[in-house]
Protein backbone atom coordinates (compact mmCIF):
# COMPACT_ATOMS: atom_id res chain seq x y z
CA MET A 1 48.43 123.26 9.68
CA THR A 2 47.48 124.02 13.25
CA ARG A 3 49.04 121.09 15.12
CA GLN A 4 52.27 121.59 17.01
CA ARG A 5 55.40 120.85 14.98
CA GLY A 6 58.43 119.10 16.36
CA LEU A 7 60.19 115.81 16.86
CA MET A 8 59.24 113.17 19.41
CA SER A 9 61.78 112.77 22.20
CA LEU A 10 63.36 109.40 22.92
CA ASP A 11 61.95 109.54 26.47
CA LEU A 12 58.37 109.96 25.23
CA PHE A 13 58.84 107.20 22.65
CA GLN A 14 60.20 104.81 25.29
CA SER A 15 57.24 105.63 27.54
CA ILE A 16 54.84 104.69 24.74
CA ILE A 17 56.67 101.42 24.03
CA ASP A 18 56.72 100.65 27.76
CA ASP A 19 52.90 100.80 27.78
CA PHE A 20 52.95 97.57 25.74
CA LYS A 21 55.43 95.59 27.87
CA LYS A 22 52.77 93.31 29.36
CA GLU A 23 50.92 92.74 26.09
CA ASP A 24 51.40 89.39 24.36
CA VAL A 25 50.90 90.85 20.90
CA LYS A 26 53.05 93.89 20.17
CA PRO A 27 51.86 96.40 17.57
CA ALA A 28 54.10 97.27 14.65
CA ILE A 29 55.70 100.69 14.98
CA PHE A 30 55.44 102.86 11.86
CA PHE A 31 57.74 105.86 11.54
CA ASN A 32 55.88 107.84 8.90
CA PHE A 33 52.96 110.20 8.30
CA SER A 34 53.16 113.95 8.01
CA GLY A 35 56.87 114.34 8.50
CA GLU A 36 60.28 112.95 7.66
CA PRO A 37 61.41 110.39 10.28
CA THR A 38 65.08 110.57 9.30
CA LEU A 39 65.24 114.16 10.60
CA ASN A 40 64.94 112.82 14.15
CA LYS A 41 68.46 112.06 15.40
CA ALA A 42 66.96 109.59 17.90
CA LEU A 43 65.45 107.41 15.15
CA PRO A 44 68.03 104.57 15.37
CA ASP A 45 67.66 104.52 19.17
CA MET A 46 63.86 104.42 18.84
CA ILE A 47 64.07 101.53 16.38
CA ALA A 48 66.45 99.66 18.70
CA TYR A 49 64.21 100.20 21.74
CA ALA A 50 61.11 99.00 19.90
CA HIS A 51 63.00 96.02 18.47
CA ARG A 52 64.34 94.99 21.90
CA HIS A 53 60.78 95.02 23.22
CA GLY A 54 59.34 92.78 20.50
CA HIS A 55 57.92 95.29 18.02
CA SER A 56 58.47 95.20 14.28
CA THR A 57 59.40 98.57 12.80
CA PHE A 58 58.73 100.33 9.50
CA VAL A 59 60.23 103.56 8.19
CA SER A 60 58.87 105.47 5.19
CA THR A 61 61.29 108.13 3.96
CA ASN A 62 61.80 110.39 0.98
CA ALA A 63 65.48 109.42 1.38
CA THR A 64 66.78 112.97 0.97
CA LYS A 65 68.56 112.75 4.35
CA LEU A 66 69.31 109.02 4.24
CA GLU A 67 73.07 108.62 4.24
CA ALA A 68 75.14 105.45 4.60
CA ASP A 69 75.80 105.89 8.34
CA LEU A 70 72.12 106.41 9.19
CA ALA A 71 71.07 103.46 7.01
CA ARG A 72 73.64 101.21 8.73
CA ARG A 73 72.55 102.37 12.20
CA MET A 74 68.88 101.70 11.43
CA ILE A 75 69.63 98.21 10.09
CA GLU A 76 71.85 97.38 13.08
CA ALA A 77 69.09 98.66 15.39
CA GLY A 78 66.75 95.98 14.03
CA LEU A 79 64.68 97.83 11.42
CA THR A 80 62.15 95.43 9.92
CA ARG A 81 61.11 97.29 6.75
CA ILE A 82 61.80 100.53 4.90
CA ALA A 83 60.03 102.26 2.02
CA LEU A 84 62.00 104.73 -0.08
CA CYS A 85 59.52 107.16 -1.58
CA MET A 86 60.76 108.66 -4.82
CA ASP A 87 58.90 111.58 -6.32
CA GLY A 88 60.27 111.23 -9.84
CA PHE A 89 61.99 108.81 -12.17
CA SER A 90 64.71 111.26 -13.12
CA LYS A 91 66.99 113.63 -11.22
CA GLN A 92 65.14 116.59 -12.76
CA ALA A 93 61.69 115.30 -11.78
CA GLN A 94 62.80 114.44 -8.23
CA GLU A 95 64.41 117.82 -7.67
CA SER A 96 61.43 119.73 -9.06
CA TYR A 97 59.43 118.36 -6.11
CA ARG A 98 62.14 117.97 -3.43
CA VAL A 99 63.75 121.38 -3.70
CA ASN A 100 67.15 121.55 -1.96
């Protein structure tokens, strides 16, 4: 992979959302694709900012870092939908793919 790796800052995210303030129809905001959104500590704040500005939000996660506090914070922030992506139907199958 040659693209730069990293996590989006809250400031950059807010700037993107602000670009849609004058639009009547707000696009849905999807936190997924080529990375794990729950690794970004700003995720609940991003969800809340998008929600306050009229956007629906969707998170797709492998759930390996999804703990009760983060789940509660995302729900309270206004999360619209979440997909929990499991890689196996047993503990052994899941852990053979999601090592550590």
